[in-house]
PDB file of N, CA and C in Angstrom:
ATOM      1  N   MET A   1       1.217   9.679 -10.671  1.00  0.00           N
ATOM      2  CA  MET A   1       0.433   8.584 -11.171  1.00  0.00           C
ATOM      3  C   MET A   1      -0.938   8.633 -10.511  1.00  0.00           C
ATOM      4  N   ILE A   2      -1.948   8.343 -11.273  1.00  0.00           N
ATOM      5  CA  ILE A   2      -3.319   8.294 -10.776  1.00  0.00           C
ATOM      6  C   ILE A   2      -3.791   6.854 -10.876  1.00  0.00           C
ATOM      7  N   THR A   3      -4.365   6.348  -9.818  1.00  0.00           N
ATOM      8  CA  THR A   3      -4.914   5.006  -9.826  1.00  0.00           C
ATOM      9  C   THR A   3      -6.432   5.101  -9.816  1.00  0.00           C
ATOM     10  N   ILE A   4      -7.055   4.511 -10.825  1.00  0.00           N
ATOM     11  CA  ILE A   4      -8.511   4.451 -10.873  1.00  0.00           C
ATOM     12  C   ILE A   4      -8.901   3.128 -10.240  1.00  0.00           C
ATOM     13  N   VAL A   5      -9.638   3.199  -9.175  1.00  0.00           N
ATOM     14  CA  VAL A   5     -10.017   1.969  -8.491  1.00  0.00           C
ATOM     15  C   VAL A   5     -11.069   1.222  -9.292  1.00  0.00           C
ATOM     16  N   ARG A   6     -12.073   1.938  -9.772  1.00  0.00           N
ATOM     17  CA  ARG A   6     -13.139   1.292 -10.553  1.00  0.00           C
ATOM     18  C   ARG A   6     -13.542   2.177 -11.716  1.00  0.00           C
ATOM     19  N   ALA A   7     -13.908   1.536 -12.796  1.00  0.00           N
ATOM     20  CA  ALA A   7     -14.419   2.225 -13.969  1.00  0.00           C
ATOM     21  C   ALA A   7     -15.336   1.251 -14.705  1.00  0.00           C
ATOM     22  N   HIS A   8     -16.134   1.782 -15.590  1.00  0.00           N
ATOM     23  CA  HIS A   8     -17.029   0.951 -16.404  1.00  0.00           C
ATOM     24  C   HIS A   8     -16.782   1.281 -17.876  1.00  0.00           C
ATOM     25  N   VAL A   9     -17.116   0.339 -18.728  1.00  0.00           N
ATOM     26  CA  VAL A   9     -16.978   0.550 -20.166  1.00  0.00           C
ATOM     27  C   VAL A   9     -18.371   0.706 -20.752  1.00  0.00           C
ATOM     28  N   LYS A  10     -18.564   1.785 -21.508  1.00  0.00           N
ATOM     29  CA  LYS A  10     -19.832   2.029 -22.188  1.00  0.00           C
ATOM     30  C   LYS A  10     -19.523   2.426 -23.625  1.00  0.00           C
ATOM     31  N   ASP A  11     -20.077   1.683 -24.553  1.00  0.00           N
ATOM     32  CA  ASP A  11     -19.842   1.919 -25.981  1.00  0.00           C
ATOM     33  C   ASP A  11     -18.347   1.956 -26.311  1.00  0.00           C
ATOM     34  N   GLY A  12     -17.568   1.091 -25.636  1.00  0.00           N
ATOM     35  CA  GLY A  12     -16.139   1.010 -25.907  1.00  0.00           C
ATOM     36  C   GLY A  12     -15.297   2.089 -25.251  1.00  0.00           C
ATOM     37  N   VAL A  13     -15.907   2.914 -24.405  1.00  0.00           N
ATOM     38  CA  VAL A  13     -15.186   4.005 -23.747  1.00  0.00           C
ATOM     39  C   VAL A  13     -15.087   3.698 -22.259  1.00  0.00           C
ATOM     40  N   VAL A  14     -13.883   3.860 -21.680  1.00  0.00           N
ATOM     41  CA  VAL A  14     -13.684   3.645 -20.249  1.00  0.00           C
ATOM     42  C   VAL A  14     -14.138   4.890 -19.506  1.00  0.00           C
ATOM     43  N   ILE A  15     -15.078   4.702 -18.570  1.00  0.00           N
ATOM     44  CA  ILE A  15     -15.627   5.823 -17.809  1.00  0.00           C
ATOM     45  C   ILE A  15     -15.333   5.578 -16.332  1.00  0.00           C
ATOM     46  N   PRO A  16     -14.482   6.419 -15.718  1.00  0.00           N
ATOM     47  CA  PRO A  16     -14.193   6.235 -14.296  1.00  0.00           C
ATOM     48  C   PRO A  16     -15.430   6.511 -13.452  1.00  0.00           C
ATOM     49  N   ASP A  17     -15.534   5.809 -12.313  1.00  0.00           N
ATOM     50  CA  ASP A  17     -16.676   5.999 -11.425  1.00  0.00           C
ATOM     51  C   ASP A  17     -16.648   7.368 -10.742  1.00  0.00           C
ATOM     52  N   THR A  18     -15.474   7.948 -10.594  1.00  0.00           N
ATOM     53  CA  THR A  18     -15.348   9.280 -10.005  1.00  0.00           C
ATOM     54  C   THR A  18     -14.552  10.157 -10.964  1.00  0.00           C
ATOM     55  N   PRO A  19     -14.826  11.456 -11.006  1.00  0.00           N
ATOM     56  CA  PRO A  19     -14.094  12.342 -11.914  1.00  0.00           C
ATOM     57  C   PRO A  19     -12.613  12.398 -11.552  1.00  0.00           C
ATOM     58  N   LEU A  20     -11.771  12.501 -12.565  1.00  0.00           N
ATOM     59  CA  LEU A  20     -10.324  12.544 -12.341  1.00  0.00           C
ATOM     60  C   LEU A  20      -9.779  13.966 -12.310  1.00  0.00           C
ATOM     61  N   ASN A  21     -10.559  14.925 -12.819  1.00  0.00           N
ATOM     62  CA  ASN A  21     -10.139  16.328 -12.836  1.00  0.00           C
ATOM     63  C   ASN A  21      -8.766  16.526 -13.476  1.00  0.00           C
ATOM     64  N   LEU A  22      -8.580  15.931 -14.659  1.00  0.00           N
ATOM     65  CA  LEU A  22      -7.346  16.094 -15.413  1.00  0.00           C
ATOM     66  C   LEU A  22      -7.522  17.212 -16.437  1.00  0.00           C
ATOM     67  N   PRO A  23      -6.444  17.917 -16.765  1.00  0.00           N
ATOM     68  CA  PRO A  23      -6.565  18.976 -17.763  1.00  0.00           C
ATOM     69  C   PRO A  23      -6.817  18.404 -19.159  1.00  0.00           C
ATOM     70  N   ASP A  24      -7.567  19.141 -19.971  1.00  0.00           N
ATOM     71  CA  ASP A  24      -7.836  18.717 -21.344  1.00  0.00           C
ATOM     72  C   ASP A  24      -6.527  18.561 -22.107  1.00  0.00           C
ATOM     73  N   GLY A  25      -6.461  17.547 -22.937  1.00  0.00           N
ATOM     74  CA  GLY A  25      -5.304  17.337 -23.802  1.00  0.00           C
ATOM     75  C   GLY A  25      -4.165  16.563 -23.169  1.00  0.00           C
ATOM     76  N   ILE A  26      -4.272  16.235 -21.879  1.00  0.00           N
ATOM     77  CA  ILE A  26      -3.190  15.497 -21.231  1.00  0.00           C
ATOM     78  C   ILE A  26      -3.141  14.079 -21.793  1.00  0.00           C
ATOM     79  N   VAL A  27      -1.943  13.535 -21.955  1.00  0.00           N
ATOM     80  CA  VAL A  27      -1.767  12.173 -22.438  1.00  0.00           C
ATOM     81  C   VAL A  27      -1.620  11.272 -21.216  1.00  0.00           C
ATOM     82  N   VAL A  28      -2.389  10.207 -21.183  1.00  0.00           N
ATOM     83  CA  VAL A  28      -2.337   9.274 -20.062  1.00  0.00           C
ATOM     84  C   VAL A  28      -2.094   7.862 -20.586  1.00  0.00           C
ATOM     85  N   GLN A  29      -1.584   7.014 -19.724  1.00  0.00           N
ATOM     86  CA  GLN A  29      -1.394   5.603 -20.046  1.00  0.00           C
ATOM     87  C   GLN A  29      -2.286   4.801 -19.120  1.00  0.00           C
ATOM     88  N   LEU A  30      -3.074   3.880 -19.695  1.00  0.00           N
ATOM     89  CA  LEU A  30      -3.995   3.078 -18.913  1.00  0.00           C
ATOM     90  C   LEU A  30      -3.550   1.629 -18.887  1.00  0.00           C
ATOM     91  N   GLN A  31      -3.738   0.991 -17.748  1.00  0.00           N
ATOM     92  CA  GLN A  31      -3.581  -0.458 -17.649  1.00  0.00           C
ATOM     93  C   GLN A  31      -4.931  -0.981 -17.210  1.00  0.00           C
ATOM     94  N   ILE A  32      -5.582  -1.720 -18.083  1.00  0.00           N
ATOM     95  CA  ILE A  32      -6.951  -2.158 -17.824  1.00  0.00           C
ATOM     96  C   ILE A  32      -6.940  -3.630 -17.449  1.00  0.00           C
ATOM     97  N   THR A  33      -7.576  -3.930 -16.323  1.00  0.00           N
ATOM     98  CA  THR A  33      -7.743  -5.319 -15.895  1.00  0.00           C
ATOM     99  C   THR A  33      -9.201  -5.533 -15.534  1.00  0.00           C
ATOM    100  N   SER A  34      -9.628  -6.755 -15.625  1.00  0.00           N
ATOM    101  CA  SER A  34     -10.983  -7.107 -15.249  1.00  0.00           C
ATOM    102  C   SER A  34     -11.005  -7.486 -13.777  1.00  0.00           C
ATOM    103  N   GLU A  35     -12.105  -7.200 -13.087  1.00  0.00           N
ATOM    104  CA  GLU A  35     -12.192  -7.535 -11.673  1.00  0.00           C
ATOM    105  C   GLU A  35     -12.138  -9.033 -11.441  1.00  0.00           C
ATOM    106  N   ASP A  36     -12.530  -9.849 -12.436  1.00  0.00           N
ATOM    107  CA  ASP A  36     -12.504 -11.285 -12.214  1.00  0.00           C
ATOM    108  C   ASP A  36     -11.158 -11.894 -12.574  1.00  0.00           C
ATOM    109  N   GLU A  37     -10.222 -11.095 -13.049  1.00  0.00           N
ATOM    110  CA  GLU A  37      -8.910 -11.616 -13.398  1.00  0.00           C
ATOM    111  C   GLU A  37      -7.970 -11.468 -12.219  1.00  0.00           C
ATOM    112  N   ARG A  38      -7.174 -12.482 -12.002  1.00  0.00           N
ATOM    113  CA  ARG A  38      -6.125 -12.405 -10.993  1.00  0.00           C
ATOM    114  C   ARG A  38      -4.847 -11.957 -11.688  1.00  0.00           C
ATOM    115  N   PRO A  39      -3.958 -11.291 -10.967  1.00  0.00           N
ATOM    116  CA  PRO A  39      -2.703 -10.871 -11.599  1.00  0.00           C
ATOM    117  C   PRO A  39      -1.874 -12.079 -12.026  1.00  0.00           C
ATOM    118  N   SER A  40      -1.156 -11.926 -13.116  1.00  0.00           N
ATOM    119  CA  SER A  40      -0.281 -12.998 -13.577  1.00  0.00           C
ATOM    120  C   SER A  40       0.958 -13.042 -12.695  1.00  0.00           C
ATOM    121  N   MET A  41       1.686 -14.125 -12.776  1.00  0.00           N
ATOM    122  CA  MET A  41       2.930 -14.234 -12.005  1.00  0.00           C
ATOM    123  C   MET A  41       3.905 -13.138 -12.419  1.00  0.00           C
ATOM    124  N   LEU A  42       3.931 -12.785 -13.703  1.00  0.00           N
ATOM    125  CA  LEU A  42       4.818 -11.710 -14.142  1.00  0.00           C
ATOM    126  C   LEU A  42       4.446 -10.392 -13.483  1.00  0.00           C
ATOM    127  N   GLU A  43       3.145 -10.115 -13.349  1.00  0.00           N
ATOM    128  CA  GLU A  43       2.710  -8.891 -12.679  1.00  0.00           C
ATOM    129  C   GLU A  43       3.110  -8.916 -11.209  1.00  0.00           C
ATOM    130  N   LEU A  44       2.957 -10.064 -10.568  1.00  0.00           N
ATOM    131  CA  LEU A  44       3.354 -10.174  -9.161  1.00  0.00           C
ATOM    132  C   LEU A  44       4.851  -9.960  -8.998  1.00  0.00           C
ATOM    133  N   LEU A  45       5.632 -10.566  -9.867  1.00  0.00           N
ATOM    134  CA  LEU A  45       7.085 -10.400  -9.783  1.00  0.00           C
ATOM    135  C   LEU A  45       7.500  -8.963 -10.058  1.00  0.00           C
ATOM    136  N   LYS A  46       6.787  -8.309 -10.989  1.00  0.00           N
ATOM    137  CA  LYS A  46       7.094  -6.911 -11.309  1.00  0.00           C
ATOM    138  C   LYS A  46       6.874  -6.012 -10.101  1.00  0.00           C
ATOM    139  N   ASP A  47       5.916  -6.381  -9.241  1.00  0.00           N
ATOM    140  CA  ASP A  47       5.572  -5.556  -8.090  1.00  0.00           C
ATOM    141  C   ASP A  47       6.435  -5.811  -6.863  1.00  0.00           C
ATOM    142  N   ILE A  48       7.342  -6.786  -6.947  1.00  0.00           N
ATOM    143  CA  ILE A  48       8.236  -7.022  -5.820  1.00  0.00           C
ATOM    144  C   ILE A  48       9.184  -5.827  -5.718  1.00  0.00           C
ATOM    145  N   PRO A  49       9.306  -5.230  -4.525  1.00  0.00           N
ATOM    146  CA  PRO A  49      10.202  -4.077  -4.390  1.00  0.00           C
ATOM    147  C   PRO A  49      11.628  -4.419  -4.811  1.00  0.00           C
ATOM    148  N   TYR A  50      12.213  -3.518  -5.573  1.00  0.00           N
ATOM    149  CA  TYR A  50      13.583  -3.725  -6.040  1.00  0.00           C
ATOM    150  C   TYR A  50      14.522  -2.994  -5.110  1.00  0.00           C
ATOM    151  N   PRO A  51      15.676  -3.427  -4.777  1.00  0.00           N
ATOM    152  CA  PRO A  51      16.178  -4.736  -5.157  1.00  0.00           C
ATOM    153  C   PRO A  51      15.638  -5.796  -4.210  1.00  0.00           C
ATOM    154  N   HIS A  52      15.159  -6.864  -4.750  1.00  0.00           N
ATOM    155  CA  HIS A  52      14.674  -7.977  -3.935  1.00  0.00           C
ATOM    156  C   HIS A  52      15.233  -9.240  -4.552  1.00  0.00           C
ATOM    157  N   HIS A  53      16.021  -9.888  -3.810  1.00  0.00           N
ATOM    158  CA  HIS A  53      16.557 -11.149  -4.304  1.00  0.00           C
ATOM    159  C   HIS A  53      16.456 -12.177  -3.192  1.00  0.00           C
ATOM    160  N   PHE A  54      16.476 -13.395  -3.592  1.00  0.00           N
ATOM    161  CA  PHE A  54      16.362 -14.484  -2.650  1.00  0.00           C
ATOM    162  C   PHE A  54      17.714 -15.177  -2.570  1.00  0.00           C
ATOM    163  N   LYS A  55      18.100 -15.519  -1.365  1.00  0.00           N
ATOM    164  CA  LYS A  55      19.381 -16.196  -1.185  1.00  0.00           C
ATOM    165  C   LYS A  55      19.302 -17.659  -1.595  1.00  0.00           C
ATOM    166  N   THR A  56      18.103 -18.225  -1.480  1.00  0.00           N
ATOM    167  CA  THR A  56      17.922 -19.636  -1.856  1.00  0.00           C
ATOM    168  C   THR A  56      16.617 -19.779  -2.629  1.00  0.00           C
ATOM    169  N   SER A  57      16.513 -20.885  -3.341  1.00  0.00           N
ATOM    170  CA  SER A  57      15.256 -21.143  -4.054  1.00  0.00           C
ATOM    171  C   SER A  57      14.133 -21.396  -3.058  1.00  0.00           C
ATOM    172  N   ALA A  58      14.455 -21.898  -1.874  1.00  0.00           N
ATOM    173  CA  ALA A  58      13.432 -22.122  -0.845  1.00  0.00           C
ATOM    174  C   ALA A  58      12.814 -20.794  -0.405  1.00  0.00           C
ATOM    175  N   GLU A  59      13.625 -19.735  -0.295  1.00  0.00           N
ATOM    176  CA  GLU A  59      13.095 -18.404   0.057  1.00  0.00           C
ATOM    177  C   GLU A  59      12.146 -17.910  -1.030  1.00  0.00           C
ATOM    178  N   ALA A  60      12.512 -18.108  -2.293  1.00  0.00           N
ATOM    179  CA  ALA A  60      11.653 -17.695  -3.403  1.00  0.00           C
ATOM    180  C   ALA A  60      10.346 -18.492  -3.377  1.00  0.00           C
ATOM    181  N   ASP A  61      10.455 -19.800  -3.158  1.00  0.00           N
ATOM    182  CA  ASP A  61       9.255 -20.635  -3.088  1.00  0.00           C
ATOM    183  C   ASP A  61       8.343 -20.201  -1.955  1.00  0.00           C
ATOM    184  N   GLU A  62       8.925 -19.879  -0.799  1.00  0.00           N
ATOM    185  CA  GLU A  62       8.126 -19.447   0.351  1.00  0.00           C
ATOM    186  C   GLU A  62       7.409 -18.132   0.048  1.00  0.00           C
ATOM    187  N   TYR A  63       8.112 -17.188  -0.577  1.00  0.00           N
ATOM    188  CA  TYR A  63       7.501 -15.908  -0.933  1.00  0.00           C
ATOM    189  C   TYR A  63       6.315 -16.138  -1.884  1.00  0.00           C
ATOM    190  N   LEU A  64       6.525 -16.950  -2.909  1.00  0.00           N
ATOM    191  CA  LEU A  64       5.464 -17.190  -3.892  1.00  0.00           C
ATOM    192  C   LEU A  64       4.290 -17.933  -3.275  1.00  0.00           C
ATOM    193  N   GLN A  65       4.561 -18.887  -2.377  1.00  0.00           N
ATOM    194  CA  GLN A  65       3.474 -19.611  -1.718  1.00  0.00           C
ATOM    195  C   GLN A  65       2.658 -18.664  -0.844  1.00  0.00           C
ATOM    196  N   ASN A  66       3.332 -17.775  -0.112  1.00  0.00           N
ATOM    197  CA  ASN A  66       2.618 -16.783   0.707  1.00  0.00           C
ATOM    198  C   ASN A  66       1.763 -15.874  -0.164  1.00  0.00           C
ATOM    199  N   GLU A  67       2.274 -15.503  -1.322  1.00  0.00           N
ATOM    200  CA  GLU A  67       1.510 -14.652  -2.244  1.00  0.00           C
ATOM    201  C   GLU A  67       0.274 -15.403  -2.731  1.00  0.00           C
ATOM    202  N   ARG A  68       0.443 -16.660  -3.119  1.00  0.00           N
ATOM    203  CA  ARG A  68      -0.702 -17.467  -3.573  1.00  0.00           C
ATOM    204  C   ARG A  68      -1.738 -17.606  -2.454  1.00  0.00           C
ATOM    205  N   ASN A  69      -1.267 -17.867  -1.233  1.00  0.00           N
ATOM    206  CA  ASN A  69      -2.185 -18.021  -0.113  1.00  0.00           C
ATOM    207  C   ASN A  69      -2.979 -16.739   0.138  1.00  0.00           C
ATOM    208  N   SER A  70      -2.383 -15.582  -0.119  1.00  0.00           N
ATOM    209  CA  SER A  70      -3.081 -14.308   0.117  1.00  0.00           C
ATOM    210  C   SER A  70      -4.248 -14.119  -0.850  1.00  0.00           C
ATOM    211  N   TRP A  71      -4.241 -14.811  -1.981  1.00  0.00           N
ATOM    212  CA  TRP A  71      -5.337 -14.688  -2.944  1.00  0.00           C
ATOM    213  C   TRP A  71      -6.632 -15.208  -2.347  1.00  0.00           C
ATOM    214  N   TRP A  72      -6.562 -16.108  -1.394  1.00  0.00           N
ATOM    215  CA  TRP A  72      -7.743 -16.758  -0.851  1.00  0.00           C
ATOM    216  C   TRP A  72      -8.161 -16.177   0.488  1.00  0.00           C
ATOM    217  N   ASP A  73      -7.436 -15.174   0.973  1.00  0.00           N
ATOM    218  CA  ASP A  73      -7.796 -14.552   2.250  1.00  0.00           C
ATOM    219  C   ASP A  73      -9.007 -13.670   2.131  1.00  0.00           C
TER     220      ASP A  73
END
């Protein structure tokens, strides 16, 4: 997997800030987000390492509150 940290859009085309050096004809999948957008709760939950379960709802609430607090750090 290749992660593009930053890219710009020009004339509807995504242009990475640095060359990716990929072979011609390769098929890639892109996930495009805006820098001013925060991840959705579904995206945050998707990124929780599996298997991750909470023994109580209080543990889940604490995890989510810590995640929300990290947005403002």
